[in-house]
Amino acid sequence: MSLHAGSGQIAALTARPRDAAVAVAVAAAATVGGALFIEHGLGVRPCDLCLTQRIPYYAGVPIALAVAWFGGFASRRRVAVAGLVLLGLLFAGGAGLGAYHAGVEWGWWPGPSGCTGAIARPAGMGDFLRQLKTVRVVRCDEVSFRILGLSLAAWNAVISSALAGFAVFCAAAAGRSAQA
């Protein structure tokens, strides 16, 4: 395959909302599937911020599949393009969550008080036993798993940014091809 033919295939993919949405759905499902494998298969417990970062993926996969469905109808192309923009915004928010969590891990700013900072000392043994029932052990400011030197939060920021950029780029390309 020549480089020219490959670039033509990429241009065709980005101009077809259906194909672009399927690509986003597959990438998002693979990403959250990887997180679930790390949690359940490898036994790495996620913190509260980790769980919150999954929400854009849980919402994004069905939205992307709906966009793919709408993208299959020429009369609903505008809906599909708007859906790609929505996916871009959703994953941009996910990138922001990932960057925030990575910053908490690197100590750039404080995180939520429920999973970072010093653990309050109990006044007595009764308070200590009550605190054991409510204190969550998984901390948001400590990296529990790294891949190629980056925490999962940092990888989420990278992947969500890529998904957001791809979705918006494809929405713009599909909008331009519809006008042509």
N, C-alpha and C. Protein backbone atom coordinates (compact mmCIF):
# COMPACT_ATOMS: atom_id res chain seq x y z
N MET A 1 0.86 -1.18 0.00
CA MET A 1 0.00 0.00 0.00
C MET A 1 0.89 1.23 0.00
N SER A 2 0.61 2.16 -0.84
CA SER A 2 1.41 3.39 -0.88
C SER A 2 0.95 4.35 0.20
N LEU A 3 1.82 5.28 0.53
CA LEU A 3 1.49 6.28 1.53
C LEU A 3 0.28 7.11 1.09
N HIS A 4 0.20 7.39 -0.20
CA HIS A 4 -0.92 8.17 -0.71
C HIS A 4 -2.25 7.44 -0.50
N ALA A 5 -2.27 6.14 -0.77
CA ALA A 5 -3.50 5.37 -0.59
C ALA A 5 -3.89 5.33 0.88
N GLY A 6 -2.91 5.22 1.78
CA GLY A 6 -3.19 5.20 3.22
C GLY A 6 -3.78 6.53 3.69
N SER A 7 -3.24 7.63 3.19
CA SER A 7 -3.77 8.94 3.60
C SER A 7 -5.18 9.14 3.06
N GLY A 8 -5.47 8.56 1.88
CA GLY A 8 -6.83 8.64 1.35
C GLY A 8 -7.82 7.87 2.20
N GLN A 9 -7.38 6.72 2.72
CA GLN A 9 -8.24 5.94 3.60
C GLN A 9 -8.51 6.68 4.90
N ILE A 10 -7.49 7.34 5.42
CA ILE A 10 -7.67 8.12 6.66
C ILE A 10 -8.62 9.28 6.40
N ALA A 11 -8.46 9.95 5.26
CA ALA A 11 -9.36 11.06 4.94
C ALA A 11 -10.79 10.57 4.79
N ALA A 12 -10.97 9.38 4.20
CA ALA A 12 -12.32 8.84 4.05
C ALA A 12 -12.91 8.50 5.42
N LEU A 13 -12.11 7.94 6.31
CA LEU A 13 -12.58 7.60 7.65
C LEU A 13 -13.04 8.85 8.40
N THR A 14 -12.23 9.89 8.34
CA THR A 14 -12.56 11.09 9.09
C THR A 14 -13.75 11.83 8.52
N ALA A 15 -14.06 11.63 7.25
CA ALA A 15 -15.19 12.32 6.63
C ALA A 15 -16.50 11.56 6.82
N ARG A 16 -16.45 10.31 7.28
CA ARG A 16 -17.65 9.50 7.48
C ARG A 16 -17.96 9.42 8.98
N PRO A 17 -18.98 10.11 9.44
CA PRO A 17 -19.30 10.12 10.88
C PRO A 17 -19.50 8.72 11.44
N ARG A 18 -20.10 7.84 10.64
CA ARG A 18 -20.37 6.49 11.15
C ARG A 18 -19.07 5.77 11.50
N ASP A 19 -18.11 5.78 10.60
CA ASP A 19 -16.84 5.11 10.83
C ASP A 19 -16.06 5.76 11.97
N ALA A 20 -16.09 7.08 12.02
CA ALA A 20 -15.39 7.78 13.09
C ALA A 20 -15.99 7.44 14.45
N ALA A 21 -17.30 7.39 14.52
CA ALA A 21 -17.97 7.07 15.79
C ALA A 21 -17.68 5.64 16.22
N VAL A 22 -17.64 4.72 15.27
CA VAL A 22 -17.29 3.33 15.61
C VAL A 22 -15.86 3.27 16.15
N ALA A 23 -14.95 4.01 15.53
CA ALA A 23 -13.57 4.05 16.00
C ALA A 23 -13.50 4.59 17.43
N VAL A 24 -14.25 5.64 17.72
CA VAL A 24 -14.28 6.20 19.08
C VAL A 24 -14.86 5.18 20.06
N ALA A 25 -15.94 4.52 19.68
CA ALA A 25 -16.57 3.53 20.55
C ALA A 25 -15.61 2.38 20.87
N VAL A 26 -14.91 1.89 19.85
CA VAL A 26 -13.97 0.77 20.05
C VAL A 26 -12.81 1.21 20.94
N ALA A 27 -12.25 2.37 20.67
CA ALA A 27 -11.12 2.86 21.48
C ALA A 27 -11.54 3.11 22.92
N ALA A 28 -12.71 3.70 23.11
CA ALA A 28 -13.20 3.97 24.47
C ALA A 28 -13.49 2.68 25.21
N ALA A 29 -14.12 1.73 24.54
CA ALA A 29 -14.42 0.44 25.18
C ALA A 29 -13.13 -0.29 25.54
N ALA A 30 -12.14 -0.25 24.66
CA ALA A 30 -10.85 -0.89 24.95
C ALA A 30 -10.16 -0.23 26.13
N THR A 31 -10.25 1.08 26.22
CA THR A 31 -9.61 1.80 27.32
C THR A 31 -10.25 1.45 28.66
N VAL A 32 -11.56 1.54 28.74
CA VAL A 32 -12.22 1.22 30.01
C VAL A 32 -12.12 -0.28 30.29
N GLY A 33 -12.10 -1.10 29.25
CA GLY A 33 -11.88 -2.53 29.44
C GLY A 33 -10.51 -2.81 30.03
N GLY A 34 -9.51 -2.07 29.58
CA GLY A 34 -8.17 -2.20 30.15
C GLY A 34 -8.15 -1.80 31.62
N ALA A 35 -8.85 -0.73 31.96
CA ALA A 35 -8.92 -0.30 33.36
C ALA A 35 -9.62 -1.36 34.22
N LEU A 36 -10.68 -1.94 33.69
CA LEU A 36 -11.38 -2.99 34.43
C LEU A 36 -10.52 -4.24 34.58
N PHE A 37 -9.71 -4.56 33.55
CA PHE A 37 -8.80 -5.69 33.66
C PHE A 37 -7.75 -5.44 34.73
N ILE A 38 -7.19 -4.24 34.75
CA ILE A 38 -6.18 -3.91 35.76
C ILE A 38 -6.78 -4.01 37.15
N GLU A 39 -8.04 -3.56 37.28
CA GLU A 39 -8.71 -3.64 38.59
C GLU A 39 -9.04 -5.08 38.98
N HIS A 40 -9.77 -5.78 38.14
CA HIS A 40 -10.27 -7.11 38.51
C HIS A 40 -9.29 -8.23 38.20
N GLY A 41 -8.55 -8.11 37.12
CA GLY A 41 -7.62 -9.16 36.73
C GLY A 41 -6.30 -9.09 37.48
N LEU A 42 -5.80 -7.88 37.69
CA LEU A 42 -4.52 -7.71 38.37
C LEU A 42 -4.65 -7.33 39.83
N GLY A 43 -5.88 -7.00 40.26
CA GLY A 43 -6.12 -6.69 41.66
C GLY A 43 -5.70 -5.31 42.11
N VAL A 44 -5.54 -4.37 41.19
CA VAL A 44 -5.17 -3.00 41.54
C VAL A 44 -6.45 -2.23 41.82
N ARG A 45 -6.64 -1.83 43.08
CA ARG A 45 -7.88 -1.14 43.45
C ARG A 45 -7.83 0.32 43.02
N PRO A 46 -8.89 0.82 42.39
CA PRO A 46 -8.92 2.23 41.97
C PRO A 46 -9.35 3.14 43.13
N CYS A 47 -8.89 4.37 43.07
CA CYS A 47 -9.32 5.37 44.04
C CYS A 47 -10.62 6.03 43.53
N ASP A 48 -11.16 6.93 44.33
CA ASP A 48 -12.40 7.61 43.93
C ASP A 48 -12.24 8.41 42.63
N LEU A 49 -11.11 9.09 42.48
CA LEU A 49 -10.90 9.86 41.24
C LEU A 49 -10.76 8.94 40.04
N CYS A 50 -10.14 7.77 40.23
CA CYS A 50 -10.03 6.80 39.13
C CYS A 50 -11.42 6.38 38.65
N LEU A 51 -12.28 6.10 39.60
CA LEU A 51 -13.65 5.67 39.25
C LEU A 51 -14.40 6.80 38.55
N THR A 52 -14.20 8.03 39.00
CA THR A 52 -14.86 9.17 38.38
C THR A 52 -14.39 9.35 36.93
N GLN A 53 -13.11 9.08 36.68
CA GLN A 53 -12.56 9.23 35.33
C GLN A 53 -13.15 8.24 34.33
N ARG A 54 -13.77 7.20 34.81
CA ARG A 54 -14.37 6.22 33.91
C ARG A 54 -15.73 6.68 33.37
N ILE A 55 -16.36 7.63 34.01
CA ILE A 55 -17.70 8.06 33.62
C ILE A 55 -17.77 8.51 32.15
N PRO A 56 -16.82 9.33 31.66
CA PRO A 56 -16.90 9.70 30.24
C PRO A 56 -16.84 8.49 29.30
N TYR A 57 -16.13 7.45 29.70
CA TYR A 57 -16.07 6.24 28.86
C TYR A 57 -17.39 5.48 28.92
N TYR A 58 -17.95 5.34 30.12
CA TYR A 58 -19.22 4.64 30.25
C TYR A 58 -20.32 5.37 29.47
N ALA A 59 -20.28 6.69 29.45
CA ALA A 59 -21.25 7.46 28.68
C ALA A 59 -20.87 7.51 27.20
N GLY A 60 -19.58 7.59 26.92
CA GLY A 60 -19.11 7.78 25.55
C GLY A 60 -19.35 6.60 24.63
N VAL A 61 -19.21 5.38 25.14
CA VAL A 61 -19.40 4.21 24.27
C VAL A 61 -20.82 4.16 23.72
N PRO A 62 -21.87 4.22 24.55
CA PRO A 62 -23.22 4.17 23.95
C PRO A 62 -23.54 5.40 23.09
N ILE A 63 -23.02 6.56 23.47
CA ILE A 63 -23.25 7.74 22.64
C ILE A 63 -22.58 7.55 21.28
N ALA A 64 -21.36 7.03 21.28
CA ALA A 64 -20.66 6.80 20.01
C ALA A 64 -21.40 5.78 19.15
N LEU A 65 -21.94 4.76 19.76
CA LEU A 65 -22.71 3.77 18.99
C LEU A 65 -23.98 4.39 18.42
N ALA A 66 -24.62 5.26 19.18
CA ALA A 66 -25.81 5.96 18.66
C ALA A 66 -25.41 6.88 17.51
N VAL A 67 -24.28 7.57 17.64
CA VAL A 67 -23.79 8.44 16.57
C VAL A 67 -23.50 7.60 15.32
N ALA A 68 -22.92 6.42 15.52
CA ALA A 68 -22.64 5.53 14.38
C ALA A 68 -23.94 5.13 13.68
N TRP A 69 -24.95 4.86 14.45
CA TRP A 69 -26.25 4.49 13.86
C TRP A 69 -26.81 5.66 13.05
N PHE A 70 -26.82 6.87 13.66
CA PHE A 70 -27.31 8.04 12.93
C PHE A 70 -26.46 8.33 11.71
N GLY A 71 -25.15 8.07 11.83
CA GLY A 71 -24.24 8.33 10.71
C GLY A 71 -24.49 7.45 9.51
N GLY A 72 -25.25 6.37 9.69
CA GLY A 72 -25.57 5.49 8.58
C GLY A 72 -26.67 6.02 7.68
N PHE A 73 -27.31 7.09 8.08
CA PHE A 73 -28.41 7.68 7.30
C PHE A 73 -28.00 9.05 6.79
N ALA A 74 -28.02 9.23 5.51
CA ALA A 74 -27.62 10.52 4.93
C ALA A 74 -28.49 11.65 5.45
N SER A 75 -29.77 11.37 5.72
CA SER A 75 -30.68 12.42 6.19
C SER A 75 -30.39 12.83 7.64
N ARG A 76 -29.62 12.03 8.36
CA ARG A 76 -29.32 12.34 9.77
C ARG A 76 -27.85 12.68 9.98
N ARG A 77 -27.20 13.09 8.93
CA ARG A 77 -25.77 13.39 9.00
C ARG A 77 -25.48 14.52 9.98
N ARG A 78 -26.33 15.53 10.01
CA ARG A 78 -26.11 16.65 10.94
C ARG A 78 -26.18 16.19 12.39
N VAL A 79 -27.08 15.26 12.67
CA VAL A 79 -27.18 14.70 14.03
C VAL A 79 -25.90 13.96 14.38
N ALA A 80 -25.38 13.21 13.42
CA ALA A 80 -24.14 12.46 13.65
C ALA A 80 -22.96 13.41 13.87
N VAL A 81 -22.89 14.47 13.09
CA VAL A 81 -21.81 15.46 13.26
C VAL A 81 -21.93 16.12 14.64
N ALA A 82 -23.13 16.48 15.04
CA ALA A 82 -23.34 17.06 16.37
C ALA A 82 -22.96 16.05 17.46
N GLY A 83 -23.25 14.78 17.22
CA GLY A 83 -22.88 13.74 18.17
C GLY A 83 -21.37 13.61 18.32
N LEU A 84 -20.65 13.75 17.21
CA LEU A 84 -19.19 13.72 17.28
C LEU A 84 -18.65 14.90 18.09
N VAL A 85 -19.28 16.06 17.90
CA VAL A 85 -18.88 17.23 18.71
C VAL A 85 -19.15 16.95 20.19
N LEU A 86 -20.31 16.37 20.49
CA LEU A 86 -20.63 16.01 21.87
C LEU A 86 -19.60 15.04 22.43
N LEU A 87 -19.20 14.04 21.65
CA LEU A 87 -18.17 13.11 22.09
C LEU A 87 -16.85 13.84 22.35
N GLY A 88 -16.52 14.78 21.49
CA GLY A 88 -15.31 15.58 21.70
C GLY A 88 -15.35 16.33 23.01
N LEU A 89 -16.49 16.93 23.31
CA LEU A 89 -16.63 17.66 24.58
C LEU A 89 -16.57 16.71 25.78
N LEU A 90 -17.23 15.57 25.66
CA LEU A 90 -17.24 14.58 26.74
C LEU A 90 -15.82 14.11 27.06
N PHE A 91 -15.07 13.76 26.03
CA PHE A 91 -13.71 13.27 26.27
C PHE A 91 -12.74 14.39 26.62
N ALA A 92 -13.03 15.62 26.22
CA ALA A 92 -12.22 16.75 26.69
C ALA A 92 -12.39 16.90 28.21
N GLY A 93 -13.63 16.72 28.67
CA GLY A 93 -13.86 16.73 30.12
C GLY A 93 -13.12 15.59 30.81
N GLY A 94 -13.11 14.40 30.17
CA GLY A 94 -12.37 13.27 30.71
C GLY A 94 -10.88 13.56 30.77
N ALA A 95 -10.36 14.25 29.76
CA ALA A 95 -8.94 14.63 29.76
C ALA A 95 -8.65 15.58 30.91
N GLY A 96 -9.58 16.50 31.15
CA GLY A 96 -9.41 17.41 32.28
C GLY A 96 -9.38 16.67 33.61
N LEU A 97 -10.26 15.68 33.77
CA LEU A 97 -10.25 14.86 35.00
C LEU A 97 -8.94 14.11 35.15
N GLY A 98 -8.45 13.54 34.05
CA GLY A 98 -7.18 12.82 34.09
C GLY A 98 -6.02 13.73 34.44
N ALA A 99 -5.99 14.92 33.84
CA ALA A 99 -4.92 15.87 34.13
C ALA A 99 -4.99 16.33 35.59
N TYR A 100 -6.20 16.59 36.09
CA TYR A 100 -6.37 16.97 37.49
C TYR A 100 -5.83 15.87 38.40
N HIS A 101 -6.22 14.62 38.15
CA HIS A 101 -5.79 13.52 39.00
C HIS A 101 -4.27 13.32 38.91
N ALA A 102 -3.70 13.41 37.71
CA ALA A 102 -2.26 13.29 37.57
C ALA A 102 -1.55 14.40 38.35
N GLY A 103 -2.10 15.61 38.31
CA GLY A 103 -1.52 16.71 39.08
C GLY A 103 -1.58 16.46 40.58
N VAL A 104 -2.66 15.83 41.04
CA VAL A 104 -2.76 15.46 42.46
C VAL A 104 -1.68 14.44 42.79
N GLU A 105 -1.49 13.46 41.91
CA GLU A 105 -0.47 12.43 42.14
C GLU A 105 0.93 13.03 42.17
N TRP A 106 1.20 14.00 41.33
CA TRP A 106 2.51 14.63 41.27
C TRP A 106 2.69 15.72 42.32
N GLY A 107 1.65 15.99 43.10
CA GLY A 107 1.73 16.99 44.16
C GLY A 107 1.67 18.42 43.69
N TRP A 108 1.15 18.65 42.49
CA TRP A 108 1.05 20.00 41.96
C TRP A 108 -0.06 20.79 42.63
N TRP A 109 -1.10 20.12 43.08
CA TRP A 109 -2.23 20.77 43.77
C TRP A 109 -2.88 19.73 44.67
N PRO A 110 -3.65 20.20 45.63
CA PRO A 110 -4.30 19.25 46.55
C PRO A 110 -5.47 18.55 45.86
N GLY A 111 -5.73 17.34 46.29
CA GLY A 111 -6.86 16.58 45.78
C GLY A 111 -8.02 16.65 46.73
N PRO A 112 -9.05 15.88 46.48
CA PRO A 112 -10.20 15.84 47.37
C PRO A 112 -9.79 15.38 48.77
N SER A 113 -10.36 15.98 49.77
CA SER A 113 -9.98 15.66 51.15
C SER A 113 -10.34 14.22 51.53
N GLY A 114 -11.28 13.61 50.84
CA GLY A 114 -11.69 12.25 51.17
C GLY A 114 -10.68 11.18 50.80
N CYS A 115 -9.73 11.51 49.90
CA CYS A 115 -8.78 10.47 49.49
C CYS A 115 -7.35 10.97 49.40
N THR A 116 -7.06 12.15 49.93
CA THR A 116 -5.70 12.66 49.92
C THR A 116 -5.39 13.31 51.26
N GLY A 117 -4.14 13.67 51.44
CA GLY A 117 -3.73 14.38 52.65
C GLY A 117 -3.56 13.45 53.83
N ALA A 118 -3.33 14.07 54.97
CA ALA A 118 -3.11 13.32 56.20
C ALA A 118 -4.41 12.72 56.71
N ILE A 119 -4.30 11.54 57.28
CA ILE A 119 -5.46 10.90 57.89
C ILE A 119 -5.60 11.44 59.31
N ALA A 120 -6.78 11.92 59.64
CA ALA A 120 -7.01 12.51 60.96
C ALA A 120 -6.82 11.45 62.05
N ARG A 121 -6.19 11.87 63.13
CA ARG A 121 -5.99 10.95 64.26
C ARG A 121 -7.27 10.89 65.09
N PRO A 122 -7.68 9.69 65.44
CA PRO A 122 -8.89 9.55 66.24
C PRO A 122 -8.65 9.99 67.69
N ALA A 123 -9.70 10.50 68.32
CA ALA A 123 -9.60 10.94 69.71
C ALA A 123 -9.50 9.77 70.67
N GLY A 124 -10.14 8.68 70.35
CA GLY A 124 -10.12 7.52 71.24
C GLY A 124 -10.30 6.24 70.45
N MET A 125 -10.28 5.11 71.17
CA MET A 125 -10.39 3.80 70.52
C MET A 125 -11.74 3.65 69.81
N GLY A 126 -12.82 4.13 70.37
CA GLY A 126 -14.13 4.05 69.72
C GLY A 126 -14.14 4.81 68.42
N ASP A 127 -13.52 6.01 68.43
CA ASP A 127 -13.42 6.79 67.20
C ASP A 127 -12.56 6.08 66.17
N PHE A 128 -11.51 5.43 66.65
CA PHE A 128 -10.62 4.70 65.75
C PHE A 128 -11.37 3.57 65.04
N LEU A 129 -12.16 2.82 65.77
CA LEU A 129 -12.92 1.71 65.17
C LEU A 129 -13.96 2.23 64.18
N ARG A 130 -14.60 3.35 64.50
CA ARG A 130 -15.56 3.95 63.56
C ARG A 130 -14.84 4.44 62.30
N GLN A 131 -13.65 5.02 62.49
CA GLN A 131 -12.89 5.53 61.36
C GLN A 131 -12.45 4.38 60.44
N LEU A 132 -12.12 3.24 61.00
CA LEU A 132 -11.74 2.09 60.19
C LEU A 132 -12.87 1.66 59.26
N LYS A 133 -14.11 1.86 59.69
CA LYS A 133 -15.26 1.47 58.87
C LYS A 133 -15.52 2.45 57.73
N THR A 134 -15.08 3.70 57.87
CA THR A 134 -15.41 4.72 56.88
C THR A 134 -14.23 5.19 56.05
N VAL A 135 -13.00 5.01 56.52
CA VAL A 135 -11.83 5.50 55.80
C VAL A 135 -11.54 4.58 54.62
N ARG A 136 -11.36 5.18 53.48
CA ARG A 136 -11.02 4.43 52.28
C ARG A 136 -9.51 4.34 52.20
N VAL A 137 -8.99 3.15 52.00
CA VAL A 137 -7.55 2.92 52.01
C VAL A 137 -6.88 3.40 50.73
N VAL A 138 -7.54 3.31 49.58
CA VAL A 138 -6.93 3.69 48.31
C VAL A 138 -6.86 5.21 48.23
N ARG A 139 -5.65 5.71 48.13
CA ARG A 139 -5.44 7.15 48.13
C ARG A 139 -5.35 7.68 46.70
N CYS A 140 -5.85 8.89 46.50
CA CYS A 140 -5.83 9.51 45.17
C CYS A 140 -4.50 10.18 44.86
N ASP A 141 -3.69 10.43 45.87
CA ASP A 141 -2.42 11.13 45.65
C ASP A 141 -1.22 10.18 45.59
N GLU A 142 -1.47 8.89 45.51
CA GLU A 142 -0.40 7.91 45.37
C GLU A 142 -0.66 7.06 44.11
N VAL A 143 0.35 6.92 43.28
CA VAL A 143 0.23 6.13 42.06
C VAL A 143 0.29 4.65 42.44
N SER A 144 -0.71 3.90 42.03
CA SER A 144 -0.74 2.48 42.35
C SER A 144 -0.28 1.61 41.19
N PHE A 145 -0.22 2.16 39.97
CA PHE A 145 0.14 1.36 38.81
C PHE A 145 0.66 2.30 37.73
N ARG A 146 1.78 1.95 37.12
CA ARG A 146 2.36 2.75 36.04
C ARG A 146 2.53 1.89 34.79
N ILE A 147 2.37 2.53 33.65
CA ILE A 147 2.64 1.90 32.36
C ILE A 147 3.57 2.85 31.62
N LEU A 148 4.75 2.36 31.27
CA LEU A 148 5.77 3.17 30.59
C LEU A 148 6.06 4.47 31.35
N GLY A 149 6.06 4.39 32.67
CA GLY A 149 6.40 5.53 33.51
C GLY A 149 5.26 6.48 33.83
N LEU A 150 4.11 6.31 33.19
CA LEU A 150 2.97 7.19 33.44
C LEU A 150 1.92 6.47 34.28
N SER A 151 1.30 7.22 35.17
CA SER A 151 0.20 6.66 35.95
C SER A 151 -1.01 6.46 35.05
N LEU A 152 -1.96 5.69 35.52
CA LEU A 152 -3.19 5.49 34.75
C LEU A 152 -3.95 6.81 34.57
N ALA A 153 -3.87 7.70 35.56
CA ALA A 153 -4.52 9.01 35.42
C ALA A 153 -3.90 9.80 34.28
N ALA A 154 -2.56 9.77 34.19
CA ALA A 154 -1.88 10.48 33.10
C ALA A 154 -2.23 9.86 31.76
N TRP A 155 -2.28 8.52 31.70
CA TRP A 155 -2.68 7.86 30.46
C TRP A 155 -4.12 8.22 30.09
N ASN A 156 -4.98 8.35 31.08
CA ASN A 156 -6.35 8.75 30.80
C ASN A 156 -6.38 10.14 30.16
N ALA A 157 -5.55 11.05 30.67
CA ALA A 157 -5.50 12.39 30.08
C ALA A 157 -5.06 12.33 28.63
N VAL A 158 -4.06 11.49 28.34
CA VAL A 158 -3.55 11.36 26.98
C VAL A 158 -4.61 10.74 26.06
N ILE A 159 -5.19 9.63 26.49
CA ILE A 159 -6.16 8.91 25.65
C ILE A 159 -7.43 9.74 25.46
N SER A 160 -7.92 10.35 26.53
CA SER A 160 -9.12 11.18 26.40
C SER A 160 -8.87 12.37 25.49
N SER A 161 -7.68 12.96 25.58
CA SER A 161 -7.34 14.08 24.68
C SER A 161 -7.34 13.62 23.23
N ALA A 162 -6.77 12.45 22.99
CA ALA A 162 -6.73 11.92 21.62
C ALA A 162 -8.14 11.64 21.11
N LEU A 163 -8.98 11.04 21.94
CA LEU A 163 -10.36 10.77 21.53
C LEU A 163 -11.13 12.07 21.27
N ALA A 164 -10.94 13.05 22.14
CA ALA A 164 -11.61 14.34 21.96
C ALA A 164 -11.16 14.99 20.66
N GLY A 165 -9.86 15.04 20.44
CA GLY A 165 -9.34 15.66 19.22
C GLY A 165 -9.80 14.93 17.96
N PHE A 166 -9.78 13.60 18.00
CA PHE A 166 -10.22 12.81 16.86
C PHE A 166 -11.70 13.06 16.56
N ALA A 167 -12.53 13.06 17.59
CA ALA A 167 -13.97 13.24 17.38
C ALA A 167 -14.27 14.63 16.79
N VAL A 168 -13.63 15.65 17.32
CA VAL A 168 -13.88 17.01 16.81
C VAL A 168 -13.31 17.16 15.39
N PHE A 169 -12.13 16.61 15.15
CA PHE A 169 -11.55 16.65 13.82
C PHE A 169 -12.47 15.97 12.81
N CYS A 170 -13.00 14.80 13.18
CA CYS A 170 -13.89 14.07 12.27
C CYS A 170 -15.21 14.82 12.07
N ALA A 171 -15.70 15.47 13.11
CA ALA A 171 -16.92 16.27 12.96
C ALA A 171 -16.69 17.40 11.97
N ALA A 172 -15.53 18.06 12.07
CA ALA A 172 -15.21 19.15 11.14
C ALA A 172 -15.05 18.62 9.72
N ALA A 173 -14.37 17.47 9.57
CA ALA A 173 -14.17 16.89 8.24
C ALA A 173 -15.51 16.46 7.63
N ALA A 174 -16.38 15.86 8.45
CA ALA A 174 -17.69 15.44 7.94
C ALA A 174 -18.55 16.65 7.58
N GLY A 175 -18.44 17.71 8.35
CA GLY A 175 -19.18 18.93 8.04
C GLY A 175 -18.71 19.56 6.74
N ARG A 176 -17.40 19.55 6.53
CA ARG A 176 -16.84 20.10 5.27
C ARG A 176 -17.25 19.26 4.07
N SER A 177 -17.23 17.92 4.23
CA SER A 177 -17.58 17.06 3.09
C SER A 177 -19.08 17.15 2.78
N ALA A 178 -19.88 17.45 3.76
CA ALA A 178 -21.32 17.59 3.52
C ALA A 178 -21.61 18.86 2.73
N GLN A 179 -20.78 19.88 2.93
CA GLN A 179 -20.98 21.14 2.24
C GLN A 179 -20.46 21.10 0.81
N ALA A 180 -19.53 20.18 0.55
CA ALA A 180 -18.91 20.10 -0.77
C ALA A 180 -19.84 19.50 -1.80
